[in-house]
């Protein structure tokens, strides 16, 4: 059975590595963490993930262009951010999940399970 792959894009290194570890410990494969939109977009183009966890603001811009591409391909997106307006995210990306930083690991994993239908 293939492990679902989760793309992680987070510009704060400590948070990115923590997200990666949390998701891997729950049994998922992880691509990233990527600190900017350009490297996350390149990774997405090379290998389509099953889900993405995206900080809204990355090193070289916001993650909305990547989120649009992912959602156009029915790839679930979880926004994990500390400086955004959840109303804007939900308006632009209906069906996405938003988690405010800091977020307990159990809530992250539950959101992943819910988004993947596990």
PDB file of N, CA and C in Angstrom:
ATOM      1  N   UNK A   1       0.840  -1.186   0.000  1.00  0.00           N
ATOM      2  CA  UNK A   1       0.000   0.000   0.000  1.00  0.00           C
ATOM      3  C   UNK A   1       0.881   1.245   0.000  1.00  0.00           C
ATOM      4  N   UNK A   2       0.597   2.175  -0.906  1.00  0.00           N
ATOM      5  CA  UNK A   2       1.386   3.389  -1.057  1.00  0.00           C
ATOM      6  C   UNK A   2       1.045   4.407   0.031  1.00  0.00           C
ATOM      7  N   UNK A   3       2.104   4.997   0.597  1.00  0.00           N
ATOM      8  CA  UNK A   3       1.928   6.072   1.575  1.00  0.00           C
ATOM      9  C   UNK A   3       1.465   7.327   0.855  1.00  0.00           C
ATOM     10  N   UNK A   4       0.436   8.012   1.342  1.00  0.00           N
ATOM     11  CA  UNK A   4       0.095   9.309   0.761  1.00  0.00           C
ATOM     12  C   UNK A   4       1.258  10.283   0.968  1.00  0.00           C
ATOM     13  N   UNK A   5       1.470  11.134  -0.019  1.00  0.00           N
ATOM     14  CA  UNK A   5       2.537  12.131   0.043  1.00  0.00           C
ATOM     15  C   UNK A   5       1.946  13.496   0.341  1.00  0.00           C
ATOM     16  N   UNK A   6       2.580  14.190   1.279  1.00  0.00           N
ATOM     17  CA  UNK A   6       2.137  15.518   1.673  1.00  0.00           C
ATOM     18  C   UNK A   6       3.241  16.517   1.385  1.00  0.00           C
ATOM     19  N   UNK A   7       2.900  17.543   0.631  1.00  0.00           N
ATOM     20  CA  UNK A   7       3.829  18.635   0.339  1.00  0.00           C
ATOM     21  C   UNK A   7       3.703  19.660   1.462  1.00  0.00           C
ATOM     22  N   UNK A   8       4.828  20.049   2.043  1.00  0.00           N
ATOM     23  CA  UNK A   8       4.846  21.043   3.118  1.00  0.00           C
ATOM     24  C   UNK A   8       5.614  22.268   2.626  1.00  0.00           C
ATOM     25  N   UNK A   9       4.959  23.428   2.695  1.00  0.00           N
ATOM     26  CA  UNK A   9       5.597  24.701   2.348  1.00  0.00           C
ATOM     27  C   UNK A   9       5.471  25.631   3.546  1.00  0.00           C
ATOM     28  N   UNK A  10       6.605  25.950   4.133  1.00  0.00           N
ATOM     29  CA  UNK A  10       6.664  26.762   5.359  1.00  0.00           C
ATOM     30  C   UNK A  10       7.990  27.505   5.382  1.00  0.00           C
ATOM     31  N   UNK A  11       7.946  28.842   5.514  1.00  0.00           N
ATOM     32  CA  UNK A  11       9.182  29.620   5.458  1.00  0.00           C
ATOM     33  C   UNK A  11       9.907  29.725   6.791  1.00  0.00           C
ATOM     34  N   UNK A  12       9.289  29.318   7.886  1.00  0.00           N
ATOM     35  CA  UNK A  12       9.973  29.315   9.183  1.00  0.00           C
ATOM     36  C   UNK A  12      10.535  27.911   9.395  1.00  0.00           C
ATOM     37  N   UNK A  13      11.862  27.806   9.391  1.00  0.00           N
ATOM     38  CA  UNK A  13      12.533  26.497   9.393  1.00  0.00           C
ATOM     39  C   UNK A  13      12.073  25.593  10.532  1.00  0.00           C
ATOM     40  N   UNK A  14      12.036  26.092  11.737  1.00  0.00           N
ATOM     41  CA  UNK A  14      11.656  25.252  12.883  1.00  0.00           C
ATOM     42  C   UNK A  14      10.243  24.699  12.727  1.00  0.00           C
ATOM     43  N   UNK A  15       9.329  25.540  12.288  1.00  0.00           N
ATOM     44  CA  UNK A  15       7.945  25.104  12.101  1.00  0.00           C
ATOM     45  C   UNK A  15       7.871  24.106  10.954  1.00  0.00           C
ATOM     46  N   UNK A  16       8.608  24.363   9.884  1.00  0.00           N
ATOM     47  CA  UNK A  16       8.615  23.451   8.736  1.00  0.00           C
ATOM     48  C   UNK A  16       9.111  22.064   9.100  1.00  0.00           C
ATOM     49  N   UNK A  17      10.206  22.001   9.847  1.00  0.00           N
ATOM     50  CA  UNK A  17      10.751  20.700  10.255  1.00  0.00           C
ATOM     51  C   UNK A  17       9.814  20.010  11.239  1.00  0.00           C
ATOM     52  N   UNK A  18       9.185  20.778  12.109  1.00  0.00           N
ATOM     53  CA  UNK A  18       8.231  20.202  13.053  1.00  0.00           C
ATOM     54  C   UNK A  18       7.023  19.617  12.316  1.00  0.00           C
ATOM     55  N   UNK A  19       6.526  20.346  11.324  1.00  0.00           N
ATOM     56  CA  UNK A  19       5.413  19.831  10.511  1.00  0.00           C
ATOM     57  C   UNK A  19       5.817  18.539   9.808  1.00  0.00           C
ATOM     58  N   UNK A  20       7.003  18.556   9.212  1.00  0.00           N
ATOM     59  CA  UNK A  20       7.486  17.358   8.522  1.00  0.00           C
ATOM     60  C   UNK A  20       7.538  16.170   9.476  1.00  0.00           C
ATOM     61  N   UNK A  21       8.147  16.369  10.642  1.00  0.00           N
ATOM     62  CA  UNK A  21       8.264  15.283  11.612  1.00  0.00           C
ATOM     63  C   UNK A  21       6.897  14.783  12.071  1.00  0.00           C
ATOM     64  N   UNK A  22       5.983  15.705  12.343  1.00  0.00           N
ATOM     65  CA  UNK A  22       4.636  15.342  12.800  1.00  0.00           C
ATOM     66  C   UNK A  22       3.927  14.485  11.759  1.00  0.00           C
ATOM     67  N   UNK A  23       3.999  14.893  10.515  1.00  0.00           N
ATOM     68  CA  UNK A  23       3.306  14.185   9.439  1.00  0.00           C
ATOM     69  C   UNK A  23       3.968  12.829   9.163  1.00  0.00           C
ATOM     70  N   UNK A  24       5.304  12.790   9.187  1.00  0.00           N
ATOM     71  CA  UNK A  24       6.000  11.508   8.971  1.00  0.00           C
ATOM     72  C   UNK A  24       5.706  10.524  10.097  1.00  0.00           C
ATOM     73  N   UNK A  25       5.674  11.005  11.326  1.00  0.00           N
ATOM     74  CA  UNK A  25       5.385  10.121  12.461  1.00  0.00           C
ATOM     75  C   UNK A  25       3.979   9.536  12.373  1.00  0.00           C
ATOM     76  N   UNK A  26       3.084  10.219  11.669  1.00  0.00           N
ATOM     77  CA  UNK A  26       1.720   9.720  11.483  1.00  0.00           C
ATOM     78  C   UNK A  26       1.633   8.743  10.307  1.00  0.00           C
ATOM     79  N   UNK A  27       2.763   8.500   9.640  1.00  0.00           N
ATOM     80  CA  UNK A  27       2.796   7.493   8.593  1.00  0.00           C
ATOM     81  C   UNK A  27       2.708   7.998   7.165  1.00  0.00           C
ATOM     82  N   UNK A  28       2.889   9.285   6.962  1.00  0.00           N
ATOM     83  CA  UNK A  28       2.821   9.856   5.617  1.00  0.00           C
ATOM     84  C   UNK A  28       4.224  10.156   5.088  1.00  0.00           C
ATOM     85  N   UNK A  29       4.358  10.133   3.767  1.00  0.00           N
ATOM     86  CA  UNK A  29       5.595  10.579   3.121  1.00  0.00           C
ATOM     87  C   UNK A  29       5.506  12.107   2.984  1.00  0.00           C
ATOM     88  N   UNK A  30       6.647  12.780   3.081  1.00  0.00           N
ATOM     89  CA  UNK A  30       6.658  14.246   3.034  1.00  0.00           C
ATOM     90  C   UNK A  30       7.615  14.738   1.965  1.00  0.00           C
ATOM     91  N   UNK A  31       7.153  15.711   1.195  1.00  0.00           N
ATOM     92  CA  UNK A  31       7.996  16.483   0.284  1.00  0.00           C
ATOM     93  C   UNK A  31       8.177  17.843   0.943  1.00  0.00           C
ATOM     94  N   UNK A  32       9.414  18.221   1.226  1.00  0.00           N
ATOM     95  CA  UNK A  32       9.660  19.503   1.858  1.00  0.00           C
ATOM     96  C   UNK A  32      10.176  19.329   3.268  1.00  0.00           C
ATOM     97  N   UNK A  33      10.208  20.381   4.014  1.00  0.00           N
ATOM     98  CA  UNK A  33       9.509  21.646   3.814  1.00  0.00           C
ATOM     99  C   UNK A  33      10.233  22.565   2.818  1.00  0.00           C
ATOM    100  N   UNK A  34       9.433  23.303   2.067  1.00  0.00           N
ATOM    101  CA  UNK A  34       9.933  24.270   1.103  1.00  0.00           C
ATOM    102  C   UNK A  34       9.703  25.663   1.675  1.00  0.00           C
ATOM    103  N   UNK A  35      10.717  26.519   1.586  1.00  0.00           N
ATOM    104  CA  UNK A  35      10.636  27.835   2.213  1.00  0.00           C
ATOM    105  C   UNK A  35      10.093  28.916   1.293  1.00  0.00           C
ATOM    106  N   UNK A  36       9.971  28.616   0.005  1.00  0.00           N
ATOM    107  CA  UNK A  36       9.454  29.627  -0.916  1.00  0.00           C
ATOM    108  C   UNK A  36       8.539  28.981  -1.949  1.00  0.00           C
ATOM    109  N   UNK A  37       7.745  29.820  -2.583  1.00  0.00           N
ATOM    110  CA  UNK A  37       6.753  29.350  -3.545  1.00  0.00           C
ATOM    111  C   UNK A  37       7.419  28.710  -4.762  1.00  0.00           C
ATOM    112  N   UNK A  38       8.563  29.247  -5.193  1.00  0.00           N
ATOM    113  CA  UNK A  38       9.203  28.702  -6.390  1.00  0.00           C
ATOM    114  C   UNK A  38       9.670  27.265  -6.184  1.00  0.00           C
ATOM    115  N   UNK A  39      10.270  26.949  -5.041  1.00  0.00           N
ATOM    116  CA  UNK A  39      10.716  25.567  -4.812  1.00  0.00           C
ATOM    117  C   UNK A  39       9.531  24.639  -4.558  1.00  0.00           C
ATOM    118  N   UNK A  40       8.491  25.120  -3.888  1.00  0.00           N
ATOM    119  CA  UNK A  40       7.293  24.302  -3.677  1.00  0.00           C
ATOM    120  C   UNK A  40       6.593  24.010  -5.004  1.00  0.00           C
ATOM    121  N   UNK A  41       6.535  25.016  -5.873  1.00  0.00           N
ATOM    122  CA  UNK A  41       5.905  24.844  -7.188  1.00  0.00           C
ATOM    123  C   UNK A  41       6.695  23.840  -8.024  1.00  0.00           C
ATOM    124  N   UNK A  42       8.008  23.915  -7.987  1.00  0.00           N
ATOM    125  CA  UNK A  42       8.851  22.975  -8.726  1.00  0.00           C
ATOM    126  C   UNK A  42       8.639  21.544  -8.221  1.00  0.00           C
ATOM    127  N   UNK A  43       8.582  21.380  -6.915  1.00  0.00           N
ATOM    128  CA  UNK A  43       8.341  20.046  -6.338  1.00  0.00           C
ATOM    129  C   UNK A  43       6.978  19.520  -6.757  1.00  0.00           C
ATOM    130  N   UNK A  44       5.979  20.373  -6.760  1.00  0.00           N
ATOM    131  CA  UNK A  44       4.629  19.988  -7.184  1.00  0.00           C
ATOM    132  C   UNK A  44       4.618  19.533  -8.639  1.00  0.00           C
ATOM    133  N   UNK A  45       5.366  20.234  -9.483  1.00  0.00           N
ATOM    134  CA  UNK A  45       5.410  19.878 -10.905  1.00  0.00           C
ATOM    135  C   UNK A  45       6.123  18.558 -11.139  1.00  0.00           C
ATOM    136  N   UNK A  46       7.100  18.238 -10.307  1.00  0.00           N
ATOM    137  CA  UNK A  46       7.833  16.978 -10.454  1.00  0.00           C
ATOM    138  C   UNK A  46       7.030  15.788  -9.949  1.00  0.00           C
ATOM    139  N   UNK A  47       6.324  15.991  -8.843  1.00  0.00           N
ATOM    140  CA  UNK A  47       5.581  14.895  -8.220  1.00  0.00           C
ATOM    141  C   UNK A  47       4.333  15.463  -7.557  1.00  0.00           C
ATOM    142  N   UNK A  48       3.190  15.057  -8.047  1.00  0.00           N
ATOM    143  CA  UNK A  48       1.926  15.538  -7.491  1.00  0.00           C
ATOM    144  C   UNK A  48       1.705  14.920  -6.107  1.00  0.00           C
ATOM    145  N   UNK A  49       1.484  15.757  -5.097  1.00  0.00           N
ATOM    146  CA  UNK A  49       1.215  15.225  -3.756  1.00  0.00           C
ATOM    147  C   UNK A  49      -0.252  14.801  -3.633  1.00  0.00           C
ATOM    148  N   UNK A  50      -0.548  14.118  -2.560  1.00  0.00           N
ATOM    149  CA  UNK A  50      -1.929  13.763  -2.263  1.00  0.00           C
ATOM    150  C   UNK A  50      -2.622  14.863  -1.462  1.00  0.00           C
ATOM    151  N   UNK A  51      -1.807  15.724  -0.841  1.00  0.00           N
ATOM    152  CA  UNK A  51      -2.314  16.807  -0.005  1.00  0.00           C
ATOM    153  C   UNK A  51      -1.173  17.799   0.185  1.00  0.00           C
ATOM    154  N   UNK A  52      -1.518  19.053   0.473  1.00  0.00           N
ATOM    155  CA  UNK A  52      -0.482  20.058   0.763  1.00  0.00           C
ATOM    156  C   UNK A  52      -0.835  20.809   2.038  1.00  0.00           C
ATOM    157  N   UNK A  53       0.198  21.067   2.829  1.00  0.00           N
ATOM    158  CA  UNK A  53       0.080  21.955   3.991  1.00  0.00           C
ATOM    159  C   UNK A  53       0.900  23.191   3.644  1.00  0.00           C
ATOM    160  N   UNK A  54       0.216  24.333   3.548  1.00  0.00           N
ATOM    161  CA  UNK A  54       0.858  25.554   3.065  1.00  0.00           C
ATOM    162  C   UNK A  54       0.742  26.689   4.065  1.00  0.00           C
ATOM    163  N   UNK A  55       1.873  27.322   4.354  1.00  0.00           N
ATOM    164  CA  UNK A  55       1.840  28.615   5.029  1.00  0.00           C
ATOM    165  C   UNK A  55       1.379  29.609   3.970  1.00  0.00           C
ATOM    166  N   UNK A  56       0.590  30.592   4.340  1.00  0.00           N
ATOM    167  CA  UNK A  56       0.097  31.552   3.348  1.00  0.00           C
ATOM    168  C   UNK A  56       1.238  32.409   2.815  1.00  0.00           C
ATOM    169  N   UNK A  57       2.078  32.943   3.702  1.00  0.00           N
ATOM    170  CA  UNK A  57       3.204  33.787   3.281  1.00  0.00           C
ATOM    171  C   UNK A  57       4.481  32.968   3.281  1.00  0.00           C
ATOM    172  N   UNK A  58       5.090  32.853   2.107  1.00  0.00           N
ATOM    173  CA  UNK A  58       6.359  32.150   1.979  1.00  0.00           C
ATOM    174  C   UNK A  58       7.455  33.161   1.674  1.00  0.00           C
ATOM    175  N   UNK A  59       8.677  32.682   1.532  1.00  0.00           N
ATOM    176  CA  UNK A  59       9.826  33.555   1.363  1.00  0.00           C
ATOM    177  C   UNK A  59       9.762  34.482   0.169  1.00  0.00           C
ATOM    178  N   UNK A  60       9.088  34.063  -0.914  1.00  0.00           N
ATOM    179  CA  UNK A  60       9.059  34.886  -2.133  1.00  0.00           C
ATOM    180  C   UNK A  60       7.643  35.214  -2.586  1.00  0.00           C
ATOM    181  N   UNK A  61       6.694  35.193  -1.686  1.00  0.00           N
ATOM    182  CA  UNK A  61       5.319  35.553  -2.038  1.00  0.00           C
ATOM    183  C   UNK A  61       4.329  34.665  -1.312  1.00  0.00           C
ATOM    184  N   UNK A  62       3.046  34.838  -1.662  1.00  0.00           N
ATOM    185  CA  UNK A  62       2.055  34.008  -0.982  1.00  0.00           C
ATOM    186  C   UNK A  62       1.822  32.711  -1.739  1.00  0.00           C
ATOM    187  N   UNK A  63       1.231  31.758  -1.053  1.00  0.00           N
ATOM    188  CA  UNK A  63       1.049  30.405  -1.587  1.00  0.00           C
ATOM    189  C   UNK A  63      -0.212  30.257  -2.421  1.00  0.00           C
ATOM    190  N   UNK A  64      -0.954  31.323  -2.649  1.00  0.00           N
ATOM    191  CA  UNK A  64      -2.212  31.213  -3.369  1.00  0.00           C
ATOM    192  C   UNK A  64      -2.081  30.648  -4.785  1.00  0.00           C
ATOM    193  N   UNK A  65      -1.056  31.023  -5.575  1.00  0.00           N
ATOM    194  CA  UNK A  65      -0.946  30.423  -6.915  1.00  0.00           C
ATOM    195  C   UNK A  65      -0.783  28.901  -6.867  1.00  0.00           C
ATOM    196  N   UNK A  66      -0.009  28.419  -5.913  1.00  0.00           N
ATOM    197  CA  UNK A  66       0.161  26.978  -5.768  1.00  0.00           C
ATOM    198  C   UNK A  66      -1.146  26.335  -5.302  1.00  0.00           C
ATOM    199  N   UNK A  67      -1.804  26.952  -4.347  1.00  0.00           N
ATOM    200  CA  UNK A  67      -3.080  26.423  -3.856  1.00  0.00           C
ATOM    201  C   UNK A  67      -4.104  26.328  -4.989  1.00  0.00           C
ATOM    202  N   UNK A  68      -4.127  27.318  -5.865  1.00  0.00           N
ATOM    203  CA  UNK A  68      -5.055  27.289  -7.005  1.00  0.00           C
ATOM    204  C   UNK A  68      -4.771  26.091  -7.902  1.00  0.00           C
ATOM    205  N   UNK A  69      -3.498  25.834  -8.196  1.00  0.00           N
ATOM    206  CA  UNK A  69      -3.130  24.696  -9.044  1.00  0.00           C
ATOM    207  C   UNK A  69      -3.497  23.368  -8.381  1.00  0.00           C
ATOM    208  N   UNK A  70      -3.198  23.260  -7.093  1.00  0.00           N
ATOM    209  CA  UNK A  70      -3.500  22.031  -6.370  1.00  0.00           C
ATOM    210  C   UNK A  70      -4.998  21.764  -6.351  1.00  0.00           C
ATOM    211  N   UNK A  71      -5.768  22.764  -5.999  1.00  0.00           N
ATOM    212  CA  UNK A  71      -7.207  22.565  -5.879  1.00  0.00           C
ATOM    213  C   UNK A  71      -7.864  22.331  -7.233  1.00  0.00           C
ATOM    214  N   UNK A  72      -7.279  22.879  -8.300  1.00  0.00           N
ATOM    215  CA  UNK A  72      -7.798  22.604  -9.647  1.00  0.00           C
ATOM    216  C   UNK A  72      -7.639  21.130 -10.002  1.00  0.00           C
ATOM    217  N   UNK A  73      -6.698  20.460  -9.368  1.00  0.00           N
ATOM    218  CA  UNK A  73      -6.481  19.028  -9.585  1.00  0.00           C
ATOM    219  C   UNK A  73      -7.074  18.184  -8.451  1.00  0.00           C
ATOM    220  N   UNK A  74      -7.958  18.798  -7.675  1.00  0.00           N
ATOM    221  CA  UNK A  74      -8.627  18.113  -6.550  1.00  0.00           C
ATOM    222  C   UNK A  74      -7.660  17.580  -5.505  1.00  0.00           C
ATOM    223  N   UNK A  75      -6.568  18.297  -5.299  1.00  0.00           N
ATOM    224  CA  UNK A  75      -5.603  17.957  -4.251  1.00  0.00           C
ATOM    225  C   UNK A  75      -5.953  18.826  -3.044  1.00  0.00           C
ATOM    226  N   UNK A  76      -6.297  18.213  -1.909  1.00  0.00           N
ATOM    227  CA  UNK A  76      -6.692  19.003  -0.739  1.00  0.00           C
ATOM    228  C   UNK A  76      -5.552  19.886  -0.234  1.00  0.00           C
ATOM    229  N   UNK A  77      -5.948  21.041   0.290  1.00  0.00           N
ATOM    230  CA  UNK A  77      -4.994  22.011   0.829  1.00  0.00           C
ATOM    231  C   UNK A  77      -5.379  22.358   2.260  1.00  0.00           C
ATOM    232  N   UNK A  78      -4.380  22.335   3.128  1.00  0.00           N
ATOM    233  CA  UNK A  78      -4.530  22.819   4.498  1.00  0.00           C
ATOM    234  C   UNK A  78      -3.634  24.042   4.630  1.00  0.00           C
ATOM    235  N   UNK A  79      -4.247  25.196   4.911  1.00  0.00           N
ATOM    236  CA  UNK A  79      -3.471  26.403   5.157  1.00  0.00           C
ATOM    237  C   UNK A  79      -3.106  26.418   6.633  1.00  0.00           C
ATOM    238  N   UNK A  80      -1.815  26.642   6.912  1.00  0.00           N
ATOM    239  CA  UNK A  80      -1.291  26.646   8.284  1.00  0.00           C
ATOM    240  C   UNK A  80      -0.519  27.946   8.419  1.00  0.00           C
ATOM    241  N   UNK A  81      -1.162  28.944   9.018  1.00  0.00           N
ATOM    242  CA  UNK A  81      -0.540  30.264   9.002  1.00  0.00           C
ATOM    243  C   UNK A  81      -0.904  31.058  10.241  1.00  0.00           C
ATOM    244  N   UNK A  82      -0.072  32.036  10.523  1.00  0.00           N
ATOM    245  CA  UNK A  82      -0.303  32.900  11.666  1.00  0.00           C
ATOM    246  C   UNK A  82      -0.694  34.308  11.291  1.00  0.00           C
ATOM    247  N   UNK A  83      -0.605  34.646  10.012  1.00  0.00           N
ATOM    248  CA  UNK A  83      -0.872  36.038   9.627  1.00  0.00           C
ATOM    249  C   UNK A  83      -1.704  36.120   8.351  1.00  0.00           C
ATOM    250  N   UNK A  84      -2.923  35.653   8.439  1.00  0.00           N
ATOM    251  CA  UNK A  84      -3.828  35.742   7.308  1.00  0.00           C
ATOM    252  C   UNK A  84      -5.243  35.907   7.827  1.00  0.00           C
ATOM    253  N   UNK A  85      -6.126  36.233   6.922  1.00  0.00           N
ATOM    254  CA  UNK A  85      -7.534  36.343   7.282  1.00  0.00           C
ATOM    255  C   UNK A  85      -8.246  35.077   6.814  1.00  0.00           C
ATOM    256  N   UNK A  86      -8.711  34.247   7.740  1.00  0.00           N
ATOM    257  CA  UNK A  86      -9.357  32.996   7.336  1.00  0.00           C
ATOM    258  C   UNK A  86     -10.545  33.216   6.412  1.00  0.00           C
ATOM    259  N   UNK A  87     -11.233  34.353   6.550  1.00  0.00           N
ATOM    260  CA  UNK A  87     -12.377  34.629   5.668  1.00  0.00           C
ATOM    261  C   UNK A  87     -11.915  34.716   4.215  1.00  0.00           C
ATOM    262  N   UNK A  88     -10.782  35.378   3.963  1.00  0.00           N
ATOM    263  CA  UNK A  88     -10.266  35.489   2.601  1.00  0.00           C
ATOM    264  C   UNK A  88      -9.879  34.116   2.054  1.00  0.00           C
ATOM    265  N   UNK A  89      -9.222  33.307   2.881  1.00  0.00           N
ATOM    266  CA  UNK A  89      -8.814  31.972   2.448  1.00  0.00           C
ATOM    267  C   UNK A  89     -10.040  31.141   2.094  1.00  0.00           C
ATOM    268  N   UNK A  90     -11.053  31.143   2.952  1.00  0.00           N
ATOM    269  CA  UNK A  90     -12.246  30.342   2.690  1.00  0.00           C
ATOM    270  C   UNK A  90     -13.039  30.867   1.498  1.00  0.00           C
ATOM    271  N   UNK A  91     -13.017  32.176   1.287  1.00  0.00           N
ATOM    272  CA  UNK A  91     -13.695  32.753   0.125  1.00  0.00           C
ATOM    273  C   UNK A  91     -12.991  32.331  -1.161  1.00  0.00           C
ATOM    274  N   UNK A  92     -11.675  32.420  -1.154  1.00  0.00           N
ATOM    275  CA  UNK A  92     -10.894  32.077  -2.353  1.00  0.00           C
ATOM    276  C   UNK A  92     -10.768  30.578  -2.571  1.00  0.00           C
ATOM    277  N   UNK A  93     -10.754  29.819  -1.485  1.00  0.00           N
ATOM    278  CA  UNK A  93     -10.505  28.378  -1.571  1.00  0.00           C
ATOM    279  C   UNK A  93     -11.543  27.594  -0.772  1.00  0.00           C
ATOM    280  N   UNK A  94     -12.795  27.586  -1.246  1.00  0.00           N
ATOM    281  CA  UNK A  94     -13.808  26.815  -0.530  1.00  0.00           C
ATOM    282  C   UNK A  94     -13.404  25.347  -0.485  1.00  0.00           C
ATOM    283  N   UNK A  95     -13.632  24.731   0.627  1.00  0.00           N
ATOM    284  CA  UNK A  95     -13.260  23.328   0.773  1.00  0.00           C
ATOM    285  C   UNK A  95     -11.874  23.133   1.361  1.00  0.00           C
ATOM    286  N   UNK A  96     -11.094  24.203   1.457  1.00  0.00           N
ATOM    287  CA  UNK A  96      -9.782  24.086   2.091  1.00  0.00           C
ATOM    288  C   UNK A  96      -9.962  24.113   3.610  1.00  0.00           C
ATOM    289  N   UNK A  97      -8.914  23.740   4.304  1.00  0.00           N
ATOM    290  CA  UNK A  97      -8.901  23.778   5.769  1.00  0.00           C
ATOM    291  C   UNK A  97      -7.913  24.851   6.190  1.00  0.00           C
ATOM    292  N   UNK A  98      -8.240  25.573   7.249  1.00  0.00           N
ATOM    293  CA  UNK A  98      -7.338  26.595   7.782  1.00  0.00           C
ATOM    294  C   UNK A  98      -7.029  26.293   9.239  1.00  0.00           C
ATOM    295  N   UNK A  99      -5.737  26.291   9.547  1.00  0.00           N
ATOM    296  CA  UNK A  99      -5.272  26.096  10.917  1.00  0.00           C
ATOM    297  C   UNK A  99      -4.399  27.280  11.302  1.00  0.00           C
ATOM    298  N   UNK A 100      -4.670  27.855  12.462  1.00  0.00           N
ATOM    299  CA  UNK A 100      -3.887  28.995  12.931  1.00  0.00           C
ATOM    300  C   UNK A 100      -2.673  28.507  13.706  1.00  0.00           C
ATOM    301  N   UNK A 101      -1.530  29.147  13.442  1.00  0.00           N
ATOM    302  CA  UNK A 101      -0.316  28.859  14.211  1.00  0.00           C
ATOM    303  C   UNK A 101      -0.429  29.535  15.561  1.00  0.00           C
ATOM    304  N   UNK A 102       0.046  28.928  16.599  1.00  0.00           N
ATOM    305  CA  UNK A 102       0.539  27.557  16.679  1.00  0.00           C
ATOM    306  C   UNK A 102      -0.638  26.583  16.743  1.00  0.00           C
ATOM    307  N   UNK A 103      -0.436  25.425  16.177  1.00  0.00           N
ATOM    308  CA  UNK A 103      -1.490  24.419  16.114  1.00  0.00           C
ATOM    309  C   UNK A 103      -0.975  23.116  16.707  1.00  0.00           C
ATOM    310  N   UNK A 104      -1.714  22.504  17.603  1.00  0.00           N
ATOM    311  CA  UNK A 104      -1.253  21.251  18.197  1.00  0.00           C
ATOM    312  C   UNK A 104      -1.093  20.159  17.127  1.00  0.00           C
ATOM    313  N   UNK A 105      -0.073  19.314  17.254  1.00  0.00           N
ATOM    314  CA  UNK A 105       0.145  18.242  16.282  1.00  0.00           C
ATOM    315  C   UNK A 105      -1.082  17.366  16.055  1.00  0.00           C
ATOM    316  N   UNK A 106      -1.823  17.069  17.111  1.00  0.00           N
ATOM    317  CA  UNK A 106      -3.013  16.216  16.962  1.00  0.00           C
ATOM    318  C   UNK A 106      -4.047  16.860  16.045  1.00  0.00           C
ATOM    319  N   UNK A 107      -4.171  18.176  16.096  1.00  0.00           N
ATOM    320  CA  UNK A 107      -5.122  18.883  15.231  1.00  0.00           C
ATOM    321  C   UNK A 107      -4.647  18.863  13.777  1.00  0.00           C
ATOM    322  N   UNK A 108      -3.345  18.979  13.579  1.00  0.00           N
ATOM    323  CA  UNK A 108      -2.794  18.897  12.224  1.00  0.00           C
ATOM    324  C   UNK A 108      -3.083  17.520  11.632  1.00  0.00           C
ATOM    325  N   UNK A 109      -2.775  16.481  12.380  1.00  0.00           N
ATOM    326  CA  UNK A 109      -2.970  15.113  11.883  1.00  0.00           C
ATOM    327  C   UNK A 109      -4.457  14.835  11.661  1.00  0.00           C
ATOM    328  N   UNK A 110      -5.324  15.306  12.556  1.00  0.00           N
ATOM    329  CA  UNK A 110      -6.759  15.099  12.346  1.00  0.00           C
ATOM    330  C   UNK A 110      -7.210  15.789  11.068  1.00  0.00           C
ATOM    331  N   UNK A 111      -6.700  16.991  10.805  1.00  0.00           N
ATOM    332  CA  UNK A 111      -7.044  17.705   9.573  1.00  0.00           C
ATOM    333  C   UNK A 111      -6.562  16.966   8.340  1.00  0.00           C
ATOM    334  N   UNK A 112      -5.373  16.368   8.422  1.00  0.00           N
ATOM    335  CA  UNK A 112      -4.846  15.567   7.318  1.00  0.00           C
ATOM    336  C   UNK A 112      -5.740  14.361   7.080  1.00  0.00           C
ATOM    337  N   UNK A 113      -6.085  13.631   8.151  1.00  0.00           N
ATOM    338  CA  UNK A 113      -6.969  12.469   8.032  1.00  0.00           C
ATOM    339  C   UNK A 113      -8.315  12.878   7.406  1.00  0.00           C
ATOM    340  N   UNK A 114      -8.876  13.971   7.893  1.00  0.00           N
ATOM    341  CA  UNK A 114     -10.169  14.429   7.379  1.00  0.00           C
ATOM    342  C   UNK A 114     -10.091  14.788   5.900  1.00  0.00           C
ATOM    343  N   UNK A 115      -9.030  15.504   5.521  1.00  0.00           N
ATOM    344  CA  UNK A 115      -8.884  15.942   4.125  1.00  0.00           C
ATOM    345  C   UNK A 115      -8.663  14.773   3.172  1.00  0.00           C
ATOM    346  N   UNK A 116      -7.963  13.743   3.660  1.00  0.00           N
ATOM    347  CA  UNK A 116      -7.677  12.564   2.812  1.00  0.00           C
ATOM    348  C   UNK A 116      -8.774  11.510   2.908  1.00  0.00           C
ATOM    349  N   UNK A 117      -9.710  11.716   3.831  1.00  0.00           N
ATOM    350  CA  UNK A 117     -10.770  10.731   3.997  1.00  0.00           C
ATOM    351  C   UNK A 117     -10.318   9.457   4.656  1.00  0.00           C
ATOM    352  N   UNK A 118      -9.269   9.553   5.493  1.00  0.00           N
ATOM    353  CA  UNK A 118      -8.756   8.379   6.216  1.00  0.00           C
ATOM    354  C   UNK A 118      -9.673   7.980   7.354  1.00  0.00           C
TER     355      UNK A 118
END
